[in-house]
PDB file of all heavy atoms in Angstrom:
ATOM      1  N   ILE A   1      11.277  23.241   4.852  1.00  0.00           N
ATOM      2  CA  ILE A   1      10.473  22.710   3.743  1.00  0.00           C
ATOM      3  C   ILE A   1      11.342  21.645   3.081  1.00  0.00           C
ATOM      4  O   ILE A   1      12.484  21.897   2.710  1.00  0.00           O
ATOM      5  CB  ILE A   1      10.076  23.779   2.699  1.00  0.00           C
ATOM      6  CG1 ILE A   1       9.231  24.874   3.377  1.00  0.00           C
ATOM      7  CG2 ILE A   1       9.302  23.117   1.557  1.00  0.00           C
ATOM      8  CD1 ILE A   1       9.017  26.079   2.482  1.00  0.00           C
ATOM      9  N   LEU A   2      10.773  20.437   2.932  1.00  0.00           N
ATOM     10  CA  LEU A   2      11.506  19.340   2.259  1.00  0.00           C
ATOM     11  C   LEU A   2      10.613  18.828   1.121  1.00  0.00           C
ATOM     12  O   LEU A   2       9.445  18.539   1.318  1.00  0.00           O
ATOM     13  CB  LEU A   2      11.778  18.225   3.250  1.00  0.00           C
ATOM     14  CG  LEU A   2      12.273  16.907   2.665  1.00  0.00           C
ATOM     15  CD1 LEU A   2      13.590  17.104   1.889  1.00  0.00           C
ATOM     16  CD2 LEU A   2      12.432  15.856   3.748  1.00  0.00           C
ATOM     17  N   VAL A   3      11.238  18.747  -0.036  1.00  0.00           N
ATOM     18  CA  VAL A   3      10.586  18.100  -1.178  1.00  0.00           C
ATOM     19  C   VAL A   3      11.387  16.902  -1.571  1.00  0.00           C
ATOM     20  O   VAL A   3      12.504  17.020  -2.117  1.00  0.00           O
ATOM     21  CB  VAL A   3      10.469  19.083  -2.378  1.00  0.00           C
ATOM     22  CG1 VAL A   3       9.709  18.339  -3.534  1.00  0.00           C
ATOM     23  CG2 VAL A   3       9.696  20.331  -1.992  1.00  0.00           C
ATOM     24  N   ASN A   4      10.876  15.718  -1.220  1.00  0.00           N
ATOM     25  CA  ASN A   4      11.510  14.442  -1.612  1.00  0.00           C
ATOM     26  C   ASN A   4      11.073  14.103  -3.005  1.00  0.00           C
ATOM     27  O   ASN A   4      10.019  13.584  -3.229  1.00  0.00           O
ATOM     28  CB  ASN A   4      11.082  13.324  -0.628  1.00  0.00           C
ATOM     29  CG  ASN A   4      11.797  13.388   0.690  1.00  0.00           C
ATOM     30  OD1 ASN A   4      12.999  13.418   0.736  1.00  0.00           O
ATOM     31  ND2 ASN A   4      11.000  13.393   1.792  1.00  0.00           N
ATOM     32  N   ASN A   5      11.918  14.498  -3.966  1.00  0.00           N
ATOM     33  CA  ASN A   5      11.605  14.356  -5.361  1.00  0.00           C
ATOM     34  C   ASN A   5      12.556  13.429  -6.120  1.00  0.00           C
ATOM     35  O   ASN A   5      12.188  12.976  -7.219  1.00  0.00           O
ATOM     36  CB  ASN A   5      11.588  15.725  -6.047  1.00  0.00           C
ATOM     37  CG  ASN A   5      11.430  15.659  -7.523  1.00  0.00           C
ATOM     38  OD1 ASN A   5      10.401  15.308  -8.047  1.00  0.00           O
ATOM     39  ND2 ASN A   5      12.527  15.914  -8.268  1.00  0.00           N
ATOM     40  N   ALA A   6      13.703  13.108  -5.583  1.00  0.00           N
ATOM     41  CA  ALA A   6      14.646  12.262  -6.243  1.00  0.00           C
ATOM     42  C   ALA A   6      13.992  10.964  -6.672  1.00  0.00           C
ATOM     43  O   ALA A   6      13.214  10.362  -5.925  1.00  0.00           O
ATOM     44  CB  ALA A   6      15.858  11.963  -5.351  1.00  0.00           C
ATOM     45  N   GLY A   7      14.293  10.514  -7.876  1.00  0.00           N
ATOM     46  CA  GLY A   7      13.727   9.283  -8.364  1.00  0.00           C
ATOM     47  C   GLY A   7      14.446   8.753  -9.534  1.00  0.00           C
ATOM     48  O   GLY A   7      15.226   9.439 -10.208  1.00  0.00           O
ATOM     49  N   ALA A   8      14.220   7.493  -9.804  1.00  0.00           N
ATOM     50  CA  ALA A   8      14.799   6.814 -10.956  1.00  0.00           C
ATOM     51  C   ALA A   8      13.820   5.756 -11.437  1.00  0.00           C
ATOM     52  O   ALA A   8      13.061   5.225 -10.602  1.00  0.00           O
ATOM     53  CB  ALA A   8      16.149   6.164 -10.574  1.00  0.00           C
ATOM     54  N   ALA A   9      13.859   5.485 -12.720  1.00  0.00           N
ATOM     55  CA  ALA A   9      12.973   4.436 -13.251  1.00  0.00           C
ATOM     56  C   ALA A   9      13.802   3.403 -13.884  1.00  0.00           C
ATOM     57  O   ALA A   9      14.825   3.663 -14.516  1.00  0.00           O
ATOM     58  CB  ALA A   9      11.987   5.055 -14.254  1.00  0.00           C
ATOM     59  N   GLY A  10      13.420   2.173 -13.703  1.00  0.00           N
ATOM     60  CA  GLY A  10      14.097   1.051 -14.347  1.00  0.00           C
ATOM     61  C   GLY A  10      13.038  -0.022 -14.611  1.00  0.00           C
ATOM     62  O   GLY A  10      12.055  -0.160 -13.882  1.00  0.00           O
ATOM     63  N   SER A  11      13.222  -0.761 -15.690  1.00  0.00           N
ATOM     64  CA  SER A  11      12.204  -1.741 -16.037  1.00  0.00           C
ATOM     65  C   SER A  11      12.838  -3.085 -16.399  1.00  0.00           C
ATOM     66  O   SER A  11      13.953  -3.143 -16.878  1.00  0.00           O
ATOM     67  CB  SER A  11      11.354  -1.217 -17.195  1.00  0.00           C
ATOM     68  OG  SER A  11      12.132  -1.032 -18.349  1.00  0.00           O
ATOM     69  N   HIS A  12      12.041  -4.112 -16.135  1.00  0.00           N
ATOM     70  CA  HIS A  12      12.466  -5.451 -16.517  1.00  0.00           C
ATOM     71  C   HIS A  12      11.259  -6.380 -16.315  1.00  0.00           C
ATOM     72  O   HIS A  12      10.414  -6.086 -15.471  1.00  0.00           O
ATOM     73  CB  HIS A  12      13.610  -5.940 -15.603  1.00  0.00           C
ATOM     74  CG  HIS A  12      14.348  -7.069 -16.136  1.00  0.00           C
ATOM     75  ND1 HIS A  12      13.901  -8.378 -16.120  1.00  0.00           N
ATOM     76  CD2 HIS A  12      15.549  -7.131 -16.753  1.00  0.00           C
ATOM     77  CE1 HIS A  12      14.782  -9.171 -16.675  1.00  0.00           C
ATOM     78  NE2 HIS A  12      15.796  -8.437 -17.088  1.00  0.00           N
ATOM     79  N   LYS A  13      11.191  -7.443 -17.090  1.00  0.00           N
ATOM     80  CA  LYS A  13      10.128  -8.460 -16.853  1.00  0.00           C
ATOM     81  C   LYS A  13      10.295  -8.946 -15.437  1.00  0.00           C
ATOM     82  O   LYS A  13      11.402  -9.054 -14.892  1.00  0.00           O
ATOM     83  CB  LYS A  13      10.299  -9.598 -17.835  1.00  0.00           C
ATOM     84  CG  LYS A  13       9.958  -9.265 -19.262  1.00  0.00           C
ATOM     85  CD  LYS A  13      10.096 -10.508 -20.096  1.00  0.00           C
ATOM     86  CE  LYS A  13       9.788 -10.180 -21.551  1.00  0.00           C
ATOM     87  NZ  LYS A  13       9.933 -11.354 -22.430  1.00  0.00           N
ATOM     88  N   PHE A  14       9.192  -9.292 -14.795  1.00  0.00           N
ATOM     89  CA  PHE A  14       9.235  -9.733 -13.442  1.00  0.00           C
ATOM     90  C   PHE A  14      10.004 -11.076 -13.325  1.00  0.00           C
ATOM     91  O   PHE A  14      10.854 -11.210 -12.465  1.00  0.00           O
ATOM     92  CB  PHE A  14       7.838  -9.859 -12.781  1.00  0.00           C
ATOM     93  CG  PHE A  14       7.933 -10.153 -11.318  1.00  0.00           C
ATOM     94  CD1 PHE A  14       8.293  -9.163 -10.396  1.00  0.00           C
ATOM     95  CD2 PHE A  14       7.695 -11.420 -10.838  1.00  0.00           C
ATOM     96  CE1 PHE A  14       8.377  -9.400  -9.082  1.00  0.00           C
ATOM     97  CE2 PHE A  14       7.809 -11.714  -9.489  1.00  0.00           C
ATOM     98  CZ  PHE A  14       8.113 -10.662  -8.607  1.00  0.00           C
ATOM     99  N   LEU A  15       9.703 -11.967 -14.263  1.00  0.00           N
ATOM    100  CA  LEU A  15      10.480 -13.225 -14.244  1.00  0.00           C
ATOM    101  C   LEU A  15      11.892 -12.893 -14.692  1.00  0.00           C
ATOM    102  O   LEU A  15      12.118 -12.290 -15.711  1.00  0.00           O
ATOM    103  CB  LEU A  15       9.858 -14.253 -15.202  1.00  0.00           C
ATOM    104  CG  LEU A  15       8.528 -14.840 -14.742  1.00  0.00           C
ATOM    105  CD1 LEU A  15       7.950 -15.743 -15.815  1.00  0.00           C
ATOM    106  CD2 LEU A  15       8.704 -15.626 -13.442  1.00  0.00           C
ATOM    107  N   GLY A  16      12.819 -13.281 -13.884  1.00  0.00           N
ATOM    108  CA  GLY A  16      14.248 -12.998 -14.176  1.00  0.00           C
ATOM    109  C   GLY A  16      14.658 -11.544 -13.785  1.00  0.00           C
ATOM    110  O   GLY A  16      15.729 -11.084 -14.114  1.00  0.00           O
ATOM    111  N   HIS A  17      13.780 -10.875 -13.016  1.00  0.00           N
ATOM    112  CA  HIS A  17      14.054  -9.502 -12.592  1.00  0.00           C
ATOM    113  C   HIS A  17      15.346  -9.491 -11.769  1.00  0.00           C
ATOM    114  O   HIS A  17      15.465 -10.183 -10.778  1.00  0.00           O
ATOM    115  CB  HIS A  17      12.862  -8.988 -11.736  1.00  0.00           C
ATOM    116  CG  HIS A  17      12.879  -7.507 -11.525  1.00  0.00           C
ATOM    117  ND1 HIS A  17      13.762  -6.843 -10.703  1.00  0.00           N
ATOM    118  CD2 HIS A  17      12.065  -6.548 -12.076  1.00  0.00           C
ATOM    119  CE1 HIS A  17      13.497  -5.554 -10.730  1.00  0.00           C
ATOM    120  NE2 HIS A  17      12.474  -5.345 -11.541  1.00  0.00           N
ATOM    121  N   PRO A  18      16.327  -8.661 -12.133  1.00  0.00           N
ATOM    122  CA  PRO A  18      17.613  -8.655 -11.375  1.00  0.00           C
ATOM    123  C   PRO A  18      17.375  -8.055  -9.968  1.00  0.00           C
ATOM    124  O   PRO A  18      16.771  -6.994  -9.824  1.00  0.00           O
ATOM    125  CB  PRO A  18      18.467  -7.707 -12.205  1.00  0.00           C
ATOM    126  CG  PRO A  18      17.808  -7.546 -13.518  1.00  0.00           C
ATOM    127  CD  PRO A  18      16.358  -7.828 -13.287  1.00  0.00           C
ATOM    128  N   ASP A  19      17.910  -8.722  -8.970  1.00  0.00           N
ATOM    129  CA  ASP A  19      17.804  -8.242  -7.607  1.00  0.00           C
ATOM    130  C   ASP A  19      18.457  -6.854  -7.477  1.00  0.00           C
ATOM    131  O   ASP A  19      17.949  -6.003  -6.741  1.00  0.00           O
ATOM    132  CB  ASP A  19      18.459  -9.203  -6.610  1.00  0.00           C
ATOM    133  CG  ASP A  19      17.677 -10.473  -6.459  1.00  0.00           C
ATOM    134  OD1 ASP A  19      16.522 -10.550  -6.909  1.00  0.00           O
ATOM    135  OD2 ASP A  19      18.279 -11.447  -5.886  1.00  0.00           O
ATOM    136  N   ALA A  20      19.519  -6.614  -8.209  1.00  0.00           N
ATOM    137  CA  ALA A  20      20.214  -5.318  -8.127  1.00  0.00           C
ATOM    138  C   ALA A  20      19.306  -4.187  -8.602  1.00  0.00           C
ATOM    139  O   ALA A  20      19.308  -3.098  -7.998  1.00  0.00           O
ATOM    140  CB  ALA A  20      21.476  -5.337  -8.943  1.00  0.00           C
ATOM    141  N   LEU A  21      18.495  -4.443  -9.625  1.00  0.00           N
ATOM    142  CA  LEU A  21      17.546  -3.396 -10.078  1.00  0.00           C
ATOM    143  C   LEU A  21      16.465  -3.178  -9.053  1.00  0.00           C
ATOM    144  O   LEU A  21      16.116  -2.035  -8.755  1.00  0.00           O
ATOM    145  CB  LEU A  21      16.927  -3.847 -11.426  1.00  0.00           C
ATOM    146  CG  LEU A  21      15.865  -2.884 -12.004  1.00  0.00           C
ATOM    147  CD1 LEU A  21      16.426  -1.501 -12.225  1.00  0.00           C
ATOM    148  CD2 LEU A  21      15.314  -3.455 -13.293  1.00  0.00           C
ATOM    149  N   TRP A  22      15.944  -4.244  -8.457  1.00  0.00           N
ATOM    150  CA  TRP A  22      14.939  -4.098  -7.400  1.00  0.00           C
ATOM    151  C   TRP A  22      15.515  -3.246  -6.251  1.00  0.00           C
ATOM    152  O   TRP A  22      14.897  -2.312  -5.813  1.00  0.00           O
ATOM    153  CB  TRP A  22      14.559  -5.511  -6.898  1.00  0.00           C
ATOM    154  CG  TRP A  22      13.563  -5.461  -5.769  1.00  0.00           C
ATOM    155  CD1 TRP A  22      13.840  -5.395  -4.416  1.00  0.00           C
ATOM    156  CD2 TRP A  22      12.142  -5.439  -5.855  1.00  0.00           C
ATOM    157  NE1 TRP A  22      12.679  -5.330  -3.701  1.00  0.00           N
ATOM    158  CE2 TRP A  22      11.607  -5.336  -4.563  1.00  0.00           C
ATOM    159  CE3 TRP A  22      11.267  -5.429  -6.951  1.00  0.00           C
ATOM    160  CZ2 TRP A  22      10.222  -5.340  -4.326  1.00  0.00           C
ATOM    161  CZ3 TRP A  22       9.878  -5.434  -6.689  1.00  0.00           C
ATOM    162  CH2 TRP A  22       9.413  -5.347  -5.390  1.00  0.00           C
ATOM    163  N   ASP A  23      16.723  -3.605  -5.802  1.00  0.00           N
ATOM    164  CA  ASP A  23      17.344  -2.862  -4.703  1.00  0.00           C
ATOM    165  C   ASP A  23      17.560  -1.406  -5.043  1.00  0.00           C
ATOM    166  O   ASP A  23      17.304  -0.518  -4.204  1.00  0.00           O
ATOM    167  CB  ASP A  23      18.669  -3.531  -4.310  1.00  0.00           C
ATOM    168  CG  ASP A  23      18.506  -4.903  -3.717  1.00  0.00           C
ATOM    169  OD1 ASP A  23      17.393  -5.276  -3.283  1.00  0.00           O
ATOM    170  OD2 ASP A  23      19.514  -5.659  -3.715  1.00  0.00           O
ATOM    171  N   ARG A  24      18.005  -1.130  -6.279  1.00  0.00           N
ATOM    172  CA  ARG A  24      18.246   0.283  -6.672  1.00  0.00           C
ATOM    173  C   ARG A  24      16.952   1.062  -6.745  1.00  0.00           C
ATOM    174  O   ARG A  24      16.930   2.216  -6.272  1.00  0.00           O
ATOM    175  CB  ARG A  24      18.944   0.268  -8.055  1.00  0.00           C
ATOM    176  CG  ARG A  24      19.272   1.624  -8.562  1.00  0.00           C
ATOM    177  CD  ARG A  24      20.486   2.185  -7.886  1.00  0.00           C
ATOM    178  NE  ARG A  24      20.754   3.522  -8.329  1.00  0.00           N
ATOM    179  CZ  ARG A  24      21.231   4.500  -7.588  1.00  0.00           C
ATOM    180  NH1 ARG A  24      21.621   4.258  -6.369  1.00  0.00           N
ATOM    181  NH2 ARG A  24      21.433   5.703  -8.081  1.00  0.00           N
ATOM    182  N   MET A  25      15.894   0.474  -7.276  1.00  0.00           N
ATOM    183  CA  MET A  25      14.611   1.208  -7.375  1.00  0.00           C
ATOM    184  C   MET A  25      14.075   1.549  -5.976  1.00  0.00           C
ATOM    185  O   MET A  25      13.570   2.637  -5.765  1.00  0.00           O
ATOM    186  CB  MET A  25      13.564   0.379  -8.176  1.00  0.00           C
ATOM    187  CG  MET A  25      13.862   0.289  -9.650  1.00  0.00           C
ATOM    188  SD  MET A  25      13.924   1.845 -10.527  1.00  0.00           S
ATOM    189  CE  MET A  25      15.692   2.169 -10.507  1.00  0.00           C
ATOM    190  N   LEU A  26      14.180   0.596  -5.042  1.00  0.00           N
ATOM    191  CA  LEU A  26      13.716   0.883  -3.693  1.00  0.00           C
ATOM    192  C   LEU A  26      14.604   1.914  -2.999  1.00  0.00           C
ATOM    193  O   LEU A  26      14.103   2.786  -2.280  1.00  0.00           O
ATOM    194  CB  LEU A  26      13.566  -0.417  -2.912  1.00  0.00           C
ATOM    195  CG  LEU A  26      12.200  -1.024  -3.176  1.00  0.00           C
ATOM    196  CD1 LEU A  26      12.306  -2.295  -3.940  1.00  0.00           C
ATOM    197  CD2 LEU A  26      11.434  -1.179  -1.902  1.00  0.00           C
ATOM    198  N   ALA A  27      15.927   1.826  -3.207  1.00  0.00           N
ATOM    199  CA  ALA A  27      16.830   2.752  -2.578  1.00  0.00           C
ATOM    200  C   ALA A  27      16.614   4.169  -3.043  1.00  0.00           C
ATOM    201  O   ALA A  27      16.515   5.114  -2.232  1.00  0.00           O
ATOM    202  CB  ALA A  27      18.281   2.323  -2.843  1.00  0.00           C
ATOM    203  N   VAL A  28      16.536   4.374  -4.323  1.00  0.00           N
ATOM    204  CA  VAL A  28      16.389   5.735  -4.887  1.00  0.00           C
ATOM    205  C   VAL A  28      14.981   6.284  -4.646  1.00  0.00           C
ATOM    206  O   VAL A  28      14.847   7.454  -4.226  1.00  0.00           O
ATOM    207  CB  VAL A  28      16.688   5.767  -6.409  1.00  0.00           C
ATOM    208  CG1 VAL A  28      16.382   7.145  -6.994  1.00  0.00           C
ATOM    209  CG2 VAL A  28      18.128   5.390  -6.663  1.00  0.00           C
ATOM    210  N   ASN A  29      13.969   5.485  -4.872  1.00  0.00           N
ATOM    211  CA  ASN A  29      12.612   5.968  -4.843  1.00  0.00           C
ATOM    212  C   ASN A  29      11.895   5.914  -3.509  1.00  0.00           C
ATOM    213  O   ASN A  29      10.920   6.624  -3.289  1.00  0.00           O
ATOM    214  CB  ASN A  29      11.746   5.216  -5.888  1.00  0.00           C
ATOM    215  CG  ASN A  29      12.235   5.468  -7.271  1.00  0.00           C
ATOM    216  OD1 ASN A  29      12.241   6.612  -7.713  1.00  0.00           O
ATOM    217  ND2 ASN A  29      12.623   4.435  -7.981  1.00  0.00           N
TER     218      ASN A  29
END
């Protein structure tokens, strides 16, 4: 049984959105 529950939330306006935040959100979530 596997429950993929790990997650993180981060926010930023889309204009000027930091690539590092984008990468982190996709990696964790």
